[in-house]
């Protein structure tokens, strides 16, 4: 009947809470999982986005370096591409000197410089075939290999782009023995310095310069000039003072015609992708048109330097510069720079994306579990509240019955004494029965008050060290008359000088309750002996109360309020508070109260107290 009355309300609460929790969790999962997917995609793509951004940064930086290189090379005179050269800004006359490129490339990005004519003849600034002593000696083998590779790989495609050589008379170098003083050369028109901000603006402009014929002649035949310069006779300077001669008559000097300057046309310096050393390479090429024909000049970018630079700037990524494909950032026309994250970083990003989903799912299920648990707890509270309400109602009825019984006995014996009815010889017996009923009434009231204090956490226990033997014998003496009248026997086995830490009143209530229960639940036993014993067990003193009744059928709820150890309608009267109160008082004294089945039948309750 109790379950039938409490079940509908609990089921209603469970249904309402289940619908509410399911709706909230479903809405949270729908919105949260969408956000998780977006965050996973963002985390998974983060390495690739970082690689693309890094590729753009590196491409701009490398483009700037190549642009600066082109700007510097555009300003370089055409005669620097040969081993010997005549500097127009040097002193007039026959003189040549090594080119600035004779010792090798000045820039780490340049692998080597070259010049070839329309017939496929290749020359490099580091090698002089006519005067081997002027060749760069430290890396001569490498320079030879570079020129051979230029002739094999670059000569065919570049010669094919040169115009057919025109036949033009060569200008012979001026003889040092001429007595006619040379006329001052016309100024050399240098190309205006191009801006250093754009490869297009710096290299895609054709340069037309005017060169003095003598300067051009020496740069066209530098080895011959070098030979004449090396073996020219030296005129000794006399240490004697020359005689003073009378002034001669002026001799008329015929006018000398000034030769026309030589025009040199230099095409833009452009990037080309050509095969060099069996792999695509970045080559800068320009054409130089002279009266002696058209030459192709340029340089090869060092692939090792490019690769090292790209690798050093890629940080923890993988960078690649190649002349194919559409992916990556453009460095120069035809060449693109790609940067890719390392597989470890991609794997780590995938793990991070999985961790995002796993974290969300763990949080979802954890909070969902808490929500379901909270809802179940609320349902349990609802059912518990109903059960408590019924238990309190039953407690009130039981308490009223427990109070009415002794009150009825008190009234009965009181009326007999007051009205003079009954047997006059039993007056003392009536008075004794009134005392017993009053004591019973006092125990009921005491248990109710103690339980009320326990619920309000107002139970006051003051444990003190003292003689436990004396306190136990005092309790035994107090209950002995009641046990004698009920036909029960109390066997006391308490050694003297036994000390413990306890509260005297709490001890009396606990032992009194245990003896009272032993007397009530063993009334139909053949042997109604109740044994009270005490023993010291190290730091603990055990006080045991044993009976020889039927024992306890269900010990799981034995110490709970309003529960009884036996089932059936023939249970002795009681509120079901004694053991619950006894356990609370035992623990308040620092001890415990345990139930143990007695060997041979019956019940055995053990009170444990700290030894003093």
Protein backbone atom coordinates (compact mmCIF):
# COMPACT_ATOMS: atom_id res chain seq x y z
CA UNK A 1 0.00 0.00 0.00
CA UNK A 2 2.88 2.34 0.76
CA UNK A 3 4.53 1.63 -2.57
CA UNK A 4 1.24 2.07 -4.39
CA UNK A 5 0.74 5.48 -2.83
CA UNK A 6 4.28 6.72 -3.45
CA UNK A 7 4.89 5.22 -6.91
CA UNK A 8 2.65 7.52 -9.03
CA UNK A 9 4.22 10.71 -7.72
CA UNK A 10 7.75 9.34 -8.17
CA UNK A 11 6.94 8.15 -11.71
CA UNK A 12 5.48 11.55 -12.62
CA UNK A 13 8.60 13.29 -11.36
CA UNK A 14 10.82 10.80 -13.25
CA UNK A 15 8.97 11.34 -16.56
CA UNK A 16 9.08 15.14 -16.30
CA UNK A 17 12.76 15.18 -15.39
CA UNK A 18 13.64 12.64 -18.12
CA UNK A 19 11.97 14.77 -20.81
CA UNK A 20 13.62 17.95 -19.51
CA UNK A 21 17.10 16.43 -19.24
CA UNK A 22 16.82 14.79 -22.68
CA UNK A 23 15.75 18.08 -24.29
CA UNK A 24 18.56 20.07 -22.67
CA UNK A 25 21.24 17.48 -23.43
CA UNK A 26 20.02 17.08 -27.02
CA UNK A 27 20.13 20.84 -27.68
CA UNK A 28 23.55 21.11 -26.10
CA UNK A 29 24.93 18.18 -28.12
CA UNK A 30 23.55 19.53 -31.41
CA UNK A 31 25.05 23.00 -31.00
CA UNK A 32 28.23 21.81 -29.31
CA UNK A 33 29.01 19.12 -31.88
CA UNK A 34 28.65 21.63 -34.71
CA UNK A 35 31.17 23.86 -32.95
CA UNK A 36 33.46 20.85 -32.37
CA UNK A 37 33.45 20.03 -36.10
CA UNK A 38 34.33 23.63 -36.97
CA UNK A 39 37.17 23.67 -34.43
CA UNK A 40 38.43 20.30 -35.66
CA UNK A 41 38.56 21.57 -39.23
CA UNK A 42 40.31 24.72 -38.10
CA UNK A 43 42.92 22.77 -36.11
CA UNK A 44 43.44 20.23 -38.92
CA UNK A 45 43.95 22.97 -41.52
CA UNK A 46 46.11 25.14 -39.28
CA UNK A 47 49.45 23.52 -40.36
CA UNK A 48 48.56 23.91 -44.04
CA UNK A 49 47.49 27.52 -43.58
CA UNK A 50 50.69 28.24 -41.71
CA UNK A 51 52.65 26.56 -44.52
CA UNK A 52 50.87 28.65 -47.17
CA UNK A 53 51.52 31.85 -45.21
CA UNK A 54 55.15 30.85 -44.76
CA UNK A 55 55.41 30.17 -48.51
CA UNK A 56 54.13 33.68 -49.29
CA UNK A 57 56.60 35.27 -46.85
CA UNK A 58 59.55 33.24 -48.15
CA UNK A 59 58.57 33.88 -51.76
CA UNK A 60 58.50 37.64 -51.19
CA UNK A 61 61.83 37.52 -49.41
CA UNK A 62 63.47 35.35 -52.08
CA UNK A 63 61.98 37.50 -54.83
CA UNK A 64 63.52 40.53 -53.18
CA UNK A 65 66.96 38.87 -53.04
CA UNK A 66 66.79 37.79 -56.69
CA UNK A 67 65.50 41.22 -57.64
CA UNK A 68 68.41 42.87 -55.86
CA UNK A 69 70.78 40.46 -57.65
CA UNK A 70 69.30 41.36 -61.05
CA UNK A 71 69.59 45.07 -60.26
CA UNK A 72 73.27 44.66 -59.36
CA UNK A 73 73.99 42.61 -62.48
CA UNK A 74 72.19 45.06 -64.78
CA UNK A 75 74.66 47.72 -63.63
CA UNK A 76 77.61 45.47 -64.39
CA UNK A 77 79.50 46.46 -67.61
CA UNK A 78 79.52 43.91 -70.38
CA UNK A 79 83.34 43.59 -70.35
CA UNK A 80 83.31 42.21 -66.78
CA UNK A 81 82.28 38.85 -68.25
CA UNK A 82 85.83 38.27 -69.66
CA UNK A 83 89.03 37.47 -67.82
CA UNK A 84 90.88 40.70 -68.75
CA UNK A 85 89.31 44.08 -69.31
CA UNK A 86 90.14 47.67 -69.90
CA UNK A 87 88.51 50.05 -67.45
CA UNK A 88 87.37 53.24 -69.26
CA UNK A 89 87.88 55.18 -66.04
CA UNK A 90 91.55 54.15 -65.80
CA UNK A 91 94.46 56.12 -67.26
CA UNK A 92 94.46 56.49 -71.04
CA UNK A 93 96.68 54.25 -73.05
CA UNK A 94 97.14 50.55 -73.32
CA UNK A 95 96.32 48.89 -70.03
CA UNK A 96 94.21 45.94 -69.02
CA UNK A 97 93.54 44.38 -65.64
CA UNK A 98 91.72 41.30 -64.30
CA UNK A 99 87.95 41.47 -64.28
CA UNK A 100 86.21 41.74 -60.86
CA UNK A 101 84.77 38.30 -61.70
CA UNK A 102 88.14 36.70 -62.42
CA UNK A 103 88.34 35.28 -58.92
CA UNK A 104 84.83 33.86 -59.02
CA UNK A 105 81.30 34.97 -58.26
CA UNK A 106 80.95 37.81 -55.78
CA UNK A 107 77.46 36.71 -54.66
CA UNK A 108 76.74 33.37 -53.00
CA UNK A 109 73.59 33.06 -55.13
CA UNK A 110 75.66 32.94 -58.32
CA UNK A 111 77.24 29.64 -59.32
CA UNK A 112 79.22 31.16 -62.20
CA UNK A 113 79.24 33.69 -65.05
CA UNK A 114 79.54 32.87 -68.76
CA UNK A 115 79.69 34.49 -72.20
CA UNK A 116 79.23 32.76 -75.56
CA UNK A 117 79.18 33.94 -79.15
CA UNK A 118 77.07 32.91 -82.10
CA UNK A 119 79.53 30.14 -82.98
CA UNK A 120 79.05 28.49 -79.57
CA UNK A 121 82.43 29.51 -78.14
CA UNK A 122 82.15 29.74 -74.37
CA UNK A 123 84.30 31.88 -72.10
CA UNK A 124 84.16 32.43 -68.36
CA UNK A 125 85.82 35.19 -66.33
CA UNK A 126 87.73 32.70 -64.18
CA UNK A 127 89.62 31.01 -67.06
CA UNK A 128 92.06 32.53 -69.56
CA UNK A 129 93.04 30.00 -72.22
CA UNK A 130 95.66 32.24 -73.85
CA UNK A 131 97.32 33.25 -70.59
CA UNK A 132 96.75 30.31 -68.19
CA UNK A 133 98.61 32.11 -65.43
CA UNK A 134 95.70 34.55 -65.18
CA UNK A 135 93.16 31.79 -64.51
CA UNK A 136 91.79 31.46 -60.98
CA UNK A 137 94.04 28.76 -59.48
CA UNK A 138 92.26 27.70 -56.26
CA UNK A 139 89.18 26.12 -57.85
CA UNK A 140 90.44 25.70 -61.39
CA UNK A 141 88.95 22.22 -61.80
CA UNK A 142 85.54 23.42 -60.69
CA UNK A 143 85.70 26.39 -63.06
CA UNK A 144 86.68 24.07 -65.93
CA UNK A 145 83.77 21.79 -65.10
CA UNK A 146 81.40 24.78 -64.99
CA UNK A 147 82.51 26.00 -68.43
CA UNK A 148 82.19 22.51 -69.86
CA UNK A 149 78.70 22.21 -68.44
CA UNK A 150 77.77 25.62 -69.90
CA UNK A 151 79.02 24.54 -73.30
CA UNK A 152 77.13 21.25 -73.13
CA UNK A 153 73.86 22.41 -71.55
CA UNK A 154 73.43 26.12 -72.16
CA UNK A 155 75.25 26.72 -75.42
CA UNK A 156 72.76 25.00 -77.77
CA UNK A 157 69.58 26.77 -76.60
CA UNK A 158 71.27 30.16 -76.16
CA UNK A 159 73.14 30.12 -79.51
CA UNK A 160 69.86 29.28 -81.22
CA UNK A 161 68.44 32.54 -79.87
CA UNK A 162 71.36 34.67 -81.13
CA UNK A 163 71.08 36.41 -84.53
CA UNK A 164 73.29 35.32 -87.44
CA UNK A 165 76.73 36.90 -86.98
CA UNK A 166 77.39 39.87 -89.22
CA UNK A 167 80.76 40.32 -90.90
CA UNK A 168 82.36 43.55 -89.71
CA UNK A 169 85.99 44.67 -89.76
CA UNK A 170 87.69 44.34 -86.46
CA UNK A 171 89.26 47.38 -84.91
CA UNK A 172 92.93 46.83 -84.23
CA UNK A 173 94.40 47.96 -80.96
CA UNK A 174 96.34 51.17 -80.95
CA UNK A 175 100.10 50.75 -81.24
CA UNK A 176 102.15 52.07 -78.37
CA UNK A 177 104.85 53.28 -80.77
CA UNK A 178 102.74 55.95 -82.42
CA UNK A 179 104.19 59.39 -81.96
CA UNK A 180 100.97 61.20 -82.57
CA UNK A 181 99.49 62.14 -79.22
CA UNK A 182 96.14 60.49 -78.70
CA UNK A 183 93.13 62.62 -78.85
CA UNK A 184 90.95 62.72 -75.77
CA UNK A 185 88.30 60.02 -75.96
CA UNK A 186 84.67 61.00 -76.05
CA UNK A 187 82.82 60.44 -72.85
CA UNK A 188 81.43 56.98 -72.28
CA UNK A 189 77.71 57.00 -71.93
CA UNK A 190 76.86 54.79 -68.94
CA UNK A 191 73.34 53.43 -68.55
CA UNK A 192 71.28 55.18 -65.93
CA UNK A 193 71.01 53.14 -62.73
CA UNK A 194 67.67 51.34 -62.75
CA UNK A 195 65.46 51.40 -59.70
CA UNK A 196 66.02 48.58 -57.22
CA UNK A 197 62.39 47.92 -56.49
CA UNK A 198 61.22 45.90 -59.45
CA UNK A 199 62.83 43.25 -61.55
CA UNK A 200 60.73 44.29 -64.50
CA UNK A 201 61.72 47.95 -64.34
CA UNK A 202 65.39 47.11 -63.77
CA UNK A 203 65.99 44.37 -66.31
CA UNK A 204 63.44 44.90 -69.10
CA UNK A 205 65.07 48.02 -70.45
CA UNK A 206 67.44 47.88 -73.40
CA UNK A 207 70.69 49.76 -72.77
CA UNK A 208 72.43 51.63 -75.58
CA UNK A 209 75.88 52.92 -74.65
CA UNK A 210 78.56 54.79 -76.61
CA UNK A 211 82.12 53.56 -76.14
CA UNK A 212 85.37 55.06 -77.30
CA UNK A 213 86.84 52.96 -80.14
CA UNK A 214 90.16 52.56 -78.31
CA UNK A 215 88.38 51.39 -75.16
CA UNK A 216 86.30 49.01 -77.24
CA UNK A 217 89.38 47.76 -79.08
CA UNK A 218 91.24 46.96 -75.89
CA UNK A 219 88.19 45.15 -74.42
CA UNK A 220 87.79 43.18 -77.65
CA UNK A 221 91.41 41.98 -77.61
CA UNK A 222 92.47 42.12 -73.96
CA UNK A 223 94.98 39.26 -74.23
CA UNK A 224 96.88 40.99 -77.06
CA UNK A 225 96.91 44.23 -75.11
CA UNK A 226 98.13 42.31 -72.06
CA UNK A 227 101.00 40.83 -74.13
CA UNK A 228 101.99 44.22 -75.51
CA UNK A 229 101.68 45.69 -72.03
CA UNK A 230 103.85 42.96 -70.54
CA UNK A 231 106.68 43.19 -73.11
CA UNK A 232 106.66 46.97 -73.76
CA UNK A 233 110.22 48.47 -73.49
CA UNK A 234 110.97 50.75 -70.60
CA UNK A 235 112.66 54.04 -71.27
CA UNK A 236 115.35 54.69 -68.63
CA UNK A 237 115.24 58.02 -66.97
CA UNK A 238 118.58 59.88 -67.14
CA UNK A 239 119.99 61.26 -63.94
CA UNK A 240 121.84 64.04 -65.78
CA UNK A 241 120.39 67.45 -66.40
CA UNK A 242 119.45 67.97 -70.05
CA UNK A 243 121.15 70.91 -71.84
CA UNK A 244 119.18 74.06 -72.31
CA UNK A 245 118.35 74.58 -75.97
CA UNK A 246 117.12 77.73 -77.57
CA UNK A 247 113.44 77.77 -78.35
CA UNK A 248 112.55 76.32 -81.71
CA UNK A 249 110.21 77.84 -84.14
CA UNK A 250 106.62 76.56 -83.79
CA UNK A 251 105.73 73.74 -86.14
CA UNK A 252 102.16 73.67 -87.40
CA UNK A 253 100.20 70.55 -86.27
CA UNK A 254 97.76 69.18 -88.79
CA UNK A 255 94.24 68.58 -87.44
CA UNK A 256 93.48 65.02 -86.27
CA UNK A 257 90.07 63.55 -86.95
CA UNK A 258 88.26 62.02 -83.93
CA UNK A 259 86.85 58.54 -84.67
CA UNK A 260 83.16 57.97 -84.10
CA UNK A 261 82.22 56.15 -80.85
CA UNK A 262 81.24 52.49 -80.90
CA UNK A 263 77.62 51.69 -80.12
CA UNK A 264 76.93 48.77 -77.79
CA UNK A 265 73.36 47.54 -77.35
CA UNK A 266 72.57 45.44 -74.27
CA UNK A 267 69.22 43.64 -74.06
CA UNK A 268 67.29 43.18 -70.81
CA UNK A 269 68.60 40.65 -68.30
CA UNK A 270 65.87 38.05 -68.11
CA UNK A 271 65.31 34.91 -66.10
CA UNK A 272 65.15 31.67 -68.03
CA UNK A 273 64.64 28.09 -66.93
CA UNK A 274 67.24 25.93 -68.64
CA UNK A 275 68.58 22.47 -68.04
CA UNK A 276 71.94 22.65 -66.33
CA UNK A 277 73.77 19.67 -64.90
CA UNK A 278 70.78 17.46 -65.80
CA UNK A 279 68.26 19.44 -63.78
CA UNK A 280 66.19 22.58 -64.31
CA UNK A 281 68.13 25.65 -63.23
CA UNK A 282 67.48 29.36 -62.98
CA UNK A 283 69.65 31.25 -65.45
CA UNK A 284 69.81 35.01 -66.11
CA UNK A 285 70.65 35.82 -69.76
CA UNK A 286 71.09 38.98 -71.84
CA UNK A 287 72.33 39.74 -75.35
CA UNK A 288 75.15 42.18 -76.07
CA UNK A 289 75.30 43.49 -79.65
CA UNK A 290 78.72 44.77 -80.69
CA UNK A 291 80.39 45.48 -84.04
CA UNK A 292 82.07 42.06 -83.68
CA UNK A 293 78.78 40.22 -83.29
CA UNK A 294 76.18 39.39 -80.69
CA UNK A 295 77.11 37.64 -77.45
CA UNK A 296 75.01 35.96 -74.80
CA UNK A 297 76.03 36.85 -71.27
CA UNK A 298 74.60 35.72 -68.01
CA UNK A 299 75.01 33.68 -64.88
CA UNK A 300 73.66 30.49 -63.33
CA UNK A 301 71.99 30.68 -59.93
CA UNK A 302 73.60 28.30 -57.44
CA UNK A 303 70.96 25.62 -56.70
CA UNK A 304 72.71 24.55 -53.48
CA UNK A 305 72.61 28.08 -52.09
CA UNK A 306 68.93 28.37 -53.01
CA UNK A 307 68.14 25.03 -51.40
CA UNK A 308 70.09 25.90 -48.22
CA UNK A 309 68.43 29.30 -47.98
CA UNK A 310 64.96 27.87 -48.43
CA UNK A 311 65.64 25.09 -45.92
CA UNK A 312 67.02 27.53 -43.33
CA UNK A 313 63.94 29.74 -43.60
CA UNK A 314 61.35 26.94 -43.55
CA UNK A 315 61.66 26.44 -39.78
CA UNK A 316 59.92 23.16 -38.96
CA UNK A 317 58.32 22.84 -42.41
CA UNK A 318 59.36 21.36 -45.73
CA UNK A 319 60.05 23.95 -48.45
CA UNK A 320 60.59 23.24 -52.14
CA UNK A 321 61.46 25.58 -55.01
CA UNK A 322 60.70 24.11 -58.44
CA UNK A 323 59.97 25.34 -61.97
CA UNK A 324 56.69 23.50 -62.41
CA UNK A 325 53.18 23.28 -61.09
CA UNK A 326 50.58 25.84 -60.11
CA UNK A 327 50.76 25.42 -56.35
CA UNK A 328 52.75 27.66 -54.08
CA UNK A 329 53.86 31.26 -54.34
CA UNK A 330 55.58 32.60 -57.46
CA UNK A 331 59.18 33.73 -56.96
CA UNK A 332 60.11 34.52 -60.57
CA UNK A 333 58.15 33.65 -63.71
CA UNK A 334 58.03 29.87 -63.99
CA UNK A 335 59.38 29.17 -60.49
CA UNK A 336 57.12 28.62 -57.50
CA UNK A 337 57.90 28.06 -53.84
CA UNK A 338 55.83 25.52 -51.93
CA UNK A 339 55.94 24.96 -48.19
CA UNK A 340 54.31 21.92 -46.63
CA UNK A 341 54.00 20.92 -42.98
CA UNK A 342 55.89 17.88 -41.85
CA UNK A 343 53.93 14.64 -41.48
CA UNK A 344 54.56 14.72 -37.73
CA UNK A 345 52.87 18.13 -37.51
CA UNK A 346 49.90 16.92 -39.53
CA UNK A 347 49.62 13.85 -37.31
CA UNK A 348 49.82 16.09 -34.25
CA UNK A 349 47.07 18.33 -35.68
CA UNK A 350 44.89 15.26 -36.26
CA UNK A 351 45.50 14.18 -32.68
CA UNK A 352 44.58 17.65 -31.45
CA UNK A 353 41.39 17.53 -33.53
CA UNK A 354 40.55 14.14 -32.07
CA UNK A 355 41.30 15.49 -28.60
CA UNK A 356 38.77 18.30 -29.17
CA UNK A 357 36.04 15.79 -30.01
CA UNK A 358 37.10 13.49 -27.19
CA UNK A 359 37.11 16.34 -24.67
CA UNK A 360 33.65 17.43 -25.76
CA UNK A 361 32.29 13.89 -25.58
CA UNK A 362 33.85 13.34 -22.16
CA UNK A 363 32.38 16.61 -20.92
CA UNK A 364 29.03 15.81 -22.51
CA UNK A 365 28.79 12.35 -21.02
CA UNK A 366 30.14 13.53 -17.66
CA UNK A 367 27.66 16.40 -17.43
CA UNK A 368 24.95 14.19 -18.90
CA UNK A 369 25.69 11.59 -16.28
CA UNK A 370 25.57 14.25 -13.59
CA UNK A 371 22.29 15.58 -14.98
CA UNK A 372 20.78 12.10 -15.10
CA UNK A 373 22.15 11.41 -11.63
CA UNK A 374 20.72 14.69 -10.36
CA UNK A 375 17.36 13.87 -11.90
CA UNK A 376 17.45 10.40 -10.36
CA UNK A 377 18.44 11.98 -7.06
CA UNK A 378 15.46 14.29 -7.26
CA UNK A 379 13.21 11.32 -7.96
CA UNK A 380 14.74 9.49 -5.01
CA UNK A 381 14.22 12.56 -2.86
CA UNK A 382 10.59 12.74 -3.93
CA UNK A 383 10.08 9.09 -3.12
CA UNK A 384 12.08 9.43 0.08
CA UNK A 385 10.03 12.43 1.11
CA UNK A 386 6.86 10.45 0.59
CA UNK A 387 8.34 7.50 2.49
CA UNK A 388 9.45 9.76 5.32
CA UNK A 389 6.03 11.30 5.46
CA UNK A 390 4.49 7.86 5.76
CA UNK A 391 7.11 6.78 8.28
CA UNK A 392 6.48 9.84 10.39
CA UNK A 393 2.76 9.19 10.21
CA UNK A 394 3.38 5.61 11.27
CA UNK A 395 5.80 6.82 13.96
CA UNK A 396 3.18 9.20 15.31
CA UNK A 397 0.65 6.39 15.45
CA UNK A 398 3.15 3.99 17.07
CA UNK A 399 4.32 6.64 19.52
CA UNK A 400 0.74 7.39 20.44
CA UNK A 401 0.18 3.70 21.04
CA UNK A 402 3.39 3.36 23.03
CA UNK A 403 2.43 6.34 25.14
CA UNK A 404 -1.18 5.29 25.60
CA UNK A 405 -0.29 1.84 26.94
CA UNK A 406 1.73 2.98 29.99
CA UNK A 407 -0.64 5.89 30.50
CA UNK A 408 -3.54 3.43 30.58
CA UNK A 409 -1.71 1.30 33.16
CA UNK A 410 -0.89 4.36 35.25
CA UNK A 411 -4.51 5.49 35.12
CA UNK A 412 -5.83 2.03 35.97
CA UNK A 413 -3.61 1.49 39.00
CA UNK A 414 -4.02 5.10 40.03
CA UNK A 415 -7.81 4.80 40.00
CA UNK A 416 -7.63 1.57 41.97
CA UNK A 417 -5.54 3.24 44.61
CA UNK A 418 -7.56 6.44 44.61
CA UNK A 419 -10.95 4.73 44.84
CA UNK A 420 -9.83 2.06 47.26
CA UNK A 421 -10.79 -0.74 44.88
CA UNK A 422 -8.78 -3.84 44.39
CA UNK A 423 -7.08 -6.09 46.88
CA UNK A 424 -5.71 -4.05 49.78
CA UNK A 425 -2.83 -6.50 50.08
CA UNK A 426 -1.74 -5.66 46.54
CA UNK A 427 -1.36 -1.94 47.09
CA UNK A 428 2.38 -2.24 47.07
CA UNK A 429 2.17 -4.29 43.88
CA UNK A 430 -0.05 -1.61 42.29
CA UNK A 431 2.44 1.07 43.25
CA UNK A 432 5.33 -0.99 41.81
CA UNK A 433 3.42 -1.51 38.56
CA UNK A 434 2.77 2.20 38.36
CA UNK A 435 6.51 2.76 38.73
CA UNK A 436 7.25 0.29 35.91
CA UNK A 437 4.71 1.93 33.64
CA UNK A 438 6.17 5.32 34.46
CA UNK A 439 9.68 4.00 33.65
CA UNK A 440 8.38 2.58 30.37
CA UNK A 441 6.76 5.91 29.58
CA UNK A 442 10.02 7.63 30.43
CA UNK A 443 11.99 5.39 28.02
CA UNK A 444 9.56 6.14 25.18
CA UNK A 445 9.74 9.87 25.81
CA UNK A 446 13.53 9.69 26.19
CA UNK A 447 13.92 7.85 22.87
CA UNK A 448 11.70 10.32 21.07
CA UNK A 449 13.59 13.29 22.49
CA UNK A 450 16.96 11.68 21.73
CA UNK A 451 15.91 10.94 18.14
CA UNK A 452 14.77 14.54 17.73
CA UNK A 453 18.15 15.73 18.98
CA UNK A 454 19.90 13.31 16.63
CA UNK A 455 18.01 14.62 13.60
CA UNK A 456 18.84 18.21 14.56
CA UNK A 457 22.45 17.23 15.25
CA UNK A 458 22.00 18.36 18.86
CA UNK A 459 23.05 15.10 20.47
CA UNK A 460 25.46 15.96 23.29
CA UNK A 461 27.87 13.27 24.48
CA UNK A 462 30.82 13.93 26.81
CA UNK A 463 33.08 10.90 26.99
CA UNK A 464 35.42 10.72 29.99
CA UNK A 465 37.78 8.07 31.26
CA UNK A 466 36.37 6.15 34.18
CA UNK A 467 35.70 2.72 35.77
CA UNK A 468 33.60 0.87 33.20
CA UNK A 469 33.05 -2.11 35.55
CA UNK A 470 31.19 -0.02 38.11
CA UNK A 471 28.99 1.62 35.47
CA UNK A 472 28.02 -1.74 33.96
CA UNK A 473 27.17 -3.26 37.35
CA UNK A 474 25.08 -0.22 38.16
CA UNK A 475 23.07 -0.69 34.94
CA UNK A 476 22.70 -4.43 35.72
CA UNK A 477 21.38 -3.70 39.20
CA UNK A 478 18.89 -1.19 37.80
CA UNK A 479 17.33 -3.59 35.29
CA UNK A 480 17.55 -6.72 37.47
CA UNK A 481 14.09 -6.31 39.13
CA UNK A 482 12.36 -5.88 35.78
CA UNK A 483 14.08 -8.97 34.39
CA UNK A 484 13.15 -10.94 37.50
CA UNK A 485 9.45 -10.09 37.13
CA UNK A 486 9.53 -11.04 33.42
CA UNK A 487 11.20 -14.38 34.14
CA UNK A 488 14.55 -13.53 32.49
CA UNK A 489 17.96 -14.11 34.04
CA UNK A 490 20.89 -11.68 33.75
CA UNK A 491 24.37 -13.20 33.77
CA UNK A 492 26.99 -10.52 34.45
CA UNK A 493 30.63 -11.26 33.56
CA UNK A 494 32.50 -8.02 34.04
CA UNK A 495 36.04 -8.01 35.44
CA UNK A 496 36.92 -5.45 38.06
CA UNK A 497 39.15 -2.46 37.41
CA UNK A 498 38.10 -2.28 33.76
CA UNK A 499 38.43 1.30 32.53
CA UNK A 500 37.31 3.01 29.34
CA UNK A 501 36.38 6.38 27.88
CA UNK A 502 32.57 6.74 27.91
CA UNK A 503 29.58 8.90 28.80
CA UNK A 504 27.76 7.41 31.80
CA UNK A 505 24.24 8.36 30.72
CA UNK A 506 24.84 7.26 27.10
CA UNK A 507 26.29 3.96 28.33
CA UNK A 508 23.24 3.39 30.53
CA UNK A 509 20.85 4.08 27.64
CA UNK A 510 22.77 1.80 25.23
CA UNK A 511 23.10 -1.17 27.63
CA UNK A 512 19.53 -0.64 28.87
CA UNK A 513 18.21 -0.73 25.28
CA UNK A 514 20.25 -3.85 24.43
CA UNK A 515 19.05 -5.70 27.57
CA UNK A 516 15.46 -4.59 27.01
CA UNK A 517 15.60 -5.85 23.39
CA UNK A 518 17.16 -9.14 24.52
CA UNK A 519 14.32 -9.64 27.04
CA UNK A 520 11.55 -8.75 24.54
CA UNK A 521 12.82 -10.79 21.56
CA UNK A 522 13.71 -13.92 23.59
CA UNK A 523 10.46 -14.28 25.57
CA UNK A 524 9.52 -17.52 23.80
CA UNK A 525 13.04 -19.01 24.07
CA UNK A 526 13.63 -22.11 26.19
CA UNK A 527 16.59 -20.43 27.88
CA UNK A 528 15.93 -16.80 28.76
CA UNK A 529 19.38 -16.06 30.11
CA UNK A 530 20.84 -12.73 29.04
CA UNK A 531 24.58 -12.45 29.35
CA UNK A 532 26.37 -9.11 29.95
CA UNK A 533 30.16 -9.39 29.55
CA UNK A 534 33.11 -7.05 29.03
CA UNK A 535 36.69 -7.67 27.86
CA UNK A 536 39.70 -5.50 27.11
CA UNK A 537 41.08 -5.98 23.54
CA UNK A 538 44.21 -3.87 23.38
CA UNK A 539 43.17 -0.24 22.86
CA UNK A 540 39.49 -1.24 22.74
CA UNK A 541 37.09 -2.46 25.39
CA UNK A 542 34.25 -4.68 24.14
CA UNK A 543 30.95 -4.88 26.03
CA UNK A 544 28.67 -7.69 24.76
CA UNK A 545 24.97 -8.38 25.38
CA UNK A 546 23.81 -11.87 24.29
CA UNK A 547 20.48 -13.67 24.27
CA UNK A 548 19.29 -17.13 23.18
CA UNK A 549 16.29 -16.10 21.13
CA UNK A 550 15.60 -16.47 17.40
CA UNK A 551 18.21 -13.90 16.35
CA UNK A 552 17.86 -11.22 13.67
CA UNK A 553 16.29 -12.12 10.33
CA UNK A 554 17.54 -9.06 8.35
CA UNK A 555 20.59 -7.24 9.69
CA UNK A 556 20.92 -4.81 6.73
CA UNK A 557 18.41 -2.32 8.16
CA UNK A 558 18.92 -3.19 11.78
CA UNK A 559 20.38 0.16 12.84
CA UNK A 560 18.09 2.36 10.70
CA UNK A 561 15.35 4.42 12.37
CA UNK A 562 11.86 2.91 12.42
CA UNK A 563 13.15 -0.50 11.26
CA UNK A 564 12.89 -3.76 13.15
CA UNK A 565 15.16 -6.76 13.06
CA UNK A 566 12.27 -9.20 12.73
CA UNK A 567 9.25 -9.35 10.48
CA UNK A 568 5.68 -10.30 11.25
CA UNK A 569 2.76 -9.03 13.24
CA UNK A 570 3.83 -10.68 16.48
CA UNK A 571 6.74 -8.32 17.02
CA UNK A 572 7.00 -6.77 20.47
CA UNK A 573 5.80 -3.22 20.73
CA UNK A 574 8.35 -0.54 19.99
CA UNK A 575 9.21 2.48 17.85
CA UNK A 576 12.27 1.03 16.14
CA UNK A 577 14.52 3.84 17.45
CA UNK A 578 16.53 2.09 20.15
CA UNK A 579 19.33 0.60 18.02
CA UNK A 580 19.59 3.69 15.80
CA UNK A 581 20.01 5.89 18.87
CA UNK A 582 22.43 3.42 20.48
CA UNK A 583 24.65 3.38 17.36
CA UNK A 584 24.71 7.21 17.21
CA UNK A 585 25.59 7.46 20.91
CA UNK A 586 28.31 4.78 20.60
CA UNK A 587 29.98 6.59 17.74
CA UNK A 588 29.66 9.92 19.55
CA UNK A 589 31.77 8.38 22.34
CA UNK A 590 34.45 7.38 19.81
CA UNK A 591 33.33 3.77 19.63
CA UNK A 592 30.97 1.60 17.60
CA UNK A 593 28.05 -0.82 17.93
CA UNK A 594 28.05 -4.11 16.00
CA UNK A 595 25.73 -7.07 15.57
CA UNK A 596 27.06 -10.63 15.45
CA UNK A 597 25.03 -13.85 15.18
CA UNK A 598 25.56 -15.89 18.35
CA UNK A 599 26.92 -19.40 18.07
CA UNK A 600 24.12 -21.78 18.98
CA UNK A 601 21.35 -19.30 18.13
CA UNK A 602 20.37 -15.90 19.38
CA UNK A 603 21.75 -12.41 18.92
CA UNK A 604 24.97 -10.82 20.12
CA UNK A 605 25.48 -7.04 20.19
CA UNK A 606 28.99 -5.68 20.86
CA UNK A 607 29.67 -2.14 22.08
CA UNK A 608 33.23 -1.04 21.41
CA UNK A 609 34.72 1.78 23.50
CA UNK A 610 38.20 3.31 23.61
CA UNK A 611 40.25 1.93 26.51
CA UNK A 612 41.44 4.42 29.11
